[in-house]
N, C-alpha and C. Protein backbone atom coordinates (compact mmCIF):
# COMPACT_ATOMS: atom_id res chain seq x y z
N MET A 1 -16.75 -7.22 10.28
CA MET A 1 -16.23 -6.25 9.31
C MET A 1 -17.12 -6.21 8.08
N THR A 2 -17.32 -5.03 7.59
CA THR A 2 -18.12 -4.92 6.38
C THR A 2 -17.27 -5.30 5.17
N ARG A 3 -17.94 -5.50 4.08
CA ARG A 3 -17.24 -5.90 2.84
C ARG A 3 -16.24 -4.84 2.41
N ASP A 4 -16.61 -3.57 2.56
CA ASP A 4 -15.72 -2.47 2.17
C ASP A 4 -14.43 -2.47 2.98
N LEU A 5 -14.56 -2.72 4.29
CA LEU A 5 -13.37 -2.76 5.15
C LEU A 5 -12.49 -3.96 4.82
N LYS A 6 -13.10 -5.08 4.48
CA LYS A 6 -12.31 -6.26 4.10
C LYS A 6 -11.52 -6.00 2.82
N ILE A 7 -12.15 -5.35 1.85
CA ILE A 7 -11.46 -5.02 0.60
C ILE A 7 -10.32 -4.05 0.88
N ARG A 8 -10.57 -3.05 1.72
CA ARG A 8 -9.52 -2.07 2.03
C ARG A 8 -8.35 -2.74 2.75
N ALA A 9 -8.65 -3.64 3.69
CA ALA A 9 -7.58 -4.35 4.41
C ALA A 9 -6.77 -5.22 3.45
N ALA A 10 -7.45 -5.88 2.53
CA ALA A 10 -6.75 -6.72 1.56
C ALA A 10 -5.85 -5.87 0.66
N LEU A 11 -6.33 -4.70 0.25
CA LEU A 11 -5.51 -3.82 -0.58
C LEU A 11 -4.29 -3.30 0.18
N ILE A 12 -4.47 -3.02 1.48
CA ILE A 12 -3.33 -2.56 2.28
C ILE A 12 -2.28 -3.65 2.36
N VAL A 13 -2.71 -4.89 2.60
CA VAL A 13 -1.77 -6.01 2.70
C VAL A 13 -1.08 -6.24 1.36
N LEU A 14 -1.85 -6.21 0.27
CA LEU A 14 -1.24 -6.39 -1.06
C LEU A 14 -0.27 -5.26 -1.38
N GLY A 15 -0.63 -4.05 -1.02
CA GLY A 15 0.26 -2.92 -1.25
C GLY A 15 1.56 -3.06 -0.48
N MET A 16 1.48 -3.50 0.78
CA MET A 16 2.69 -3.69 1.57
C MET A 16 3.56 -4.79 0.98
N ALA A 17 2.93 -5.88 0.54
CA ALA A 17 3.71 -6.98 -0.05
C ALA A 17 4.39 -6.53 -1.34
N LEU A 18 3.66 -5.79 -2.17
CA LEU A 18 4.22 -5.30 -3.43
C LEU A 18 5.41 -4.36 -3.18
N VAL A 19 5.23 -3.43 -2.25
CA VAL A 19 6.30 -2.48 -1.94
C VAL A 19 7.50 -3.21 -1.35
N ALA A 20 7.26 -4.20 -0.49
CA ALA A 20 8.37 -4.96 0.09
C ALA A 20 9.14 -5.70 -0.99
N MET A 21 8.43 -6.27 -1.97
CA MET A 21 9.11 -6.97 -3.06
C MET A 21 9.94 -5.99 -3.89
N ILE A 22 9.37 -4.82 -4.19
CA ILE A 22 10.10 -3.83 -4.98
C ILE A 22 11.32 -3.33 -4.22
N LEU A 23 11.14 -3.05 -2.92
CA LEU A 23 12.25 -2.52 -2.13
C LEU A 23 13.37 -3.53 -1.95
N SER A 24 13.04 -4.81 -2.01
CA SER A 24 14.08 -5.82 -1.83
C SER A 24 15.03 -5.84 -3.04
N HIS A 25 14.61 -5.29 -4.17
CA HIS A 25 15.45 -5.27 -5.36
C HIS A 25 16.15 -3.93 -5.57
N ILE A 26 15.78 -2.93 -4.77
CA ILE A 26 16.37 -1.60 -4.91
C ILE A 26 17.33 -1.40 -3.73
N PRO A 27 18.52 -0.84 -3.97
CA PRO A 27 19.40 -0.57 -2.84
C PRO A 27 18.75 0.40 -1.86
N PRO A 28 18.97 0.21 -0.57
CA PRO A 28 18.27 1.06 0.41
C PRO A 28 18.70 2.52 0.32
N ILE A 29 17.77 3.39 0.63
CA ILE A 29 18.05 4.83 0.63
C ILE A 29 18.46 5.18 2.07
N ASN A 30 19.76 5.21 2.31
CA ASN A 30 20.23 5.39 3.67
C ASN A 30 20.07 6.82 4.17
N SER A 31 19.88 7.76 3.27
CA SER A 31 19.73 9.15 3.71
C SER A 31 18.40 9.35 4.46
N LEU A 32 17.43 8.47 4.21
CA LEU A 32 16.14 8.59 4.90
C LEU A 32 16.16 7.96 6.28
N HIS A 33 17.07 7.01 6.50
CA HIS A 33 17.17 6.27 7.76
C HIS A 33 15.87 5.58 8.12
N LEU A 34 15.16 5.08 7.13
CA LEU A 34 13.93 4.33 7.35
C LEU A 34 14.14 2.89 6.91
N SER A 35 13.65 1.98 7.70
CA SER A 35 13.76 0.59 7.28
C SER A 35 12.74 0.31 6.18
N PRO A 36 13.04 -0.65 5.30
CA PRO A 36 12.08 -0.98 4.24
C PRO A 36 10.71 -1.39 4.78
N LEU A 37 10.66 -1.98 5.99
CA LEU A 37 9.38 -2.40 6.56
C LEU A 37 8.50 -1.19 6.86
N ILE A 38 9.10 -0.14 7.42
CA ILE A 38 8.33 1.08 7.73
C ILE A 38 7.82 1.71 6.44
N ILE A 39 8.70 1.77 5.42
CA ILE A 39 8.29 2.34 4.13
C ILE A 39 7.17 1.50 3.52
N ALA A 40 7.28 0.17 3.65
CA ALA A 40 6.25 -0.71 3.10
C ALA A 40 4.92 -0.49 3.80
N VAL A 41 4.94 -0.33 5.11
CA VAL A 41 3.70 -0.11 5.87
C VAL A 41 3.06 1.21 5.46
N LEU A 42 3.89 2.27 5.37
CA LEU A 42 3.35 3.58 5.01
C LEU A 42 2.76 3.58 3.60
N LEU A 43 3.51 3.04 2.64
CA LEU A 43 3.01 3.02 1.26
C LEU A 43 1.82 2.07 1.11
N GLY A 44 1.84 0.98 1.86
CA GLY A 44 0.70 0.06 1.82
C GLY A 44 -0.57 0.72 2.32
N ALA A 45 -0.45 1.47 3.40
CA ALA A 45 -1.61 2.20 3.92
C ALA A 45 -2.07 3.25 2.93
N LEU A 46 -1.12 3.91 2.28
CA LEU A 46 -1.46 4.92 1.27
C LEU A 46 -2.22 4.27 0.11
N VAL A 47 -1.70 3.14 -0.38
CA VAL A 47 -2.36 2.43 -1.47
C VAL A 47 -3.75 1.98 -1.04
N GLY A 48 -3.87 1.48 0.19
CA GLY A 48 -5.16 1.00 0.68
C GLY A 48 -6.18 2.11 0.82
N ASN A 49 -5.73 3.34 1.00
CA ASN A 49 -6.67 4.45 1.13
C ASN A 49 -7.00 5.11 -0.20
N ILE A 50 -6.06 5.13 -1.13
CA ILE A 50 -6.28 5.84 -2.39
C ILE A 50 -6.96 4.96 -3.44
N VAL A 51 -6.53 3.70 -3.54
CA VAL A 51 -7.06 2.82 -4.59
C VAL A 51 -8.59 2.66 -4.50
N PRO A 52 -9.17 2.42 -3.31
CA PRO A 52 -10.64 2.29 -3.27
C PRO A 52 -11.36 3.54 -3.75
N ARG A 53 -10.80 4.71 -3.45
CA ARG A 53 -11.44 5.96 -3.89
C ARG A 53 -11.39 6.08 -5.41
N ILE A 54 -10.25 5.71 -5.99
CA ILE A 54 -10.13 5.77 -7.44
C ILE A 54 -11.10 4.77 -8.09
N LEU A 55 -11.17 3.57 -7.50
CA LEU A 55 -12.08 2.56 -8.04
C LEU A 55 -13.53 3.03 -7.96
N LYS A 56 -13.91 3.68 -6.86
CA LYS A 56 -15.27 4.19 -6.73
C LYS A 56 -15.56 5.25 -7.78
N LEU A 57 -14.58 6.14 -8.02
CA LEU A 57 -14.77 7.17 -9.04
C LEU A 57 -14.94 6.56 -10.43
N VAL A 58 -14.13 5.53 -10.72
CA VAL A 58 -14.20 4.90 -12.03
C VAL A 58 -15.52 4.17 -12.21
N VAL A 59 -15.95 3.45 -11.16
CA VAL A 59 -17.18 2.66 -11.25
C VAL A 59 -18.40 3.56 -11.32
N LEU A 60 -18.39 4.65 -10.54
CA LEU A 60 -19.57 5.53 -10.49
C LEU A 60 -19.69 6.43 -11.72
N SER A 61 -18.58 6.68 -12.41
CA SER A 61 -18.66 7.60 -13.56
C SER A 61 -19.11 6.88 -14.81
């Protein structure tokens, strides 16, 4: 794995852990019928994809 992929994977894992911690303190949204784990995976992947792009823009500018 390249360094960039390792950083992205670490951000995805950190994002999932952060979302799981936040969701454990918020009452579940039953109207969505999604488990907190699925929401954590989706938001973690989103964070892992967006954060590196933002960091690249900040560093390059």
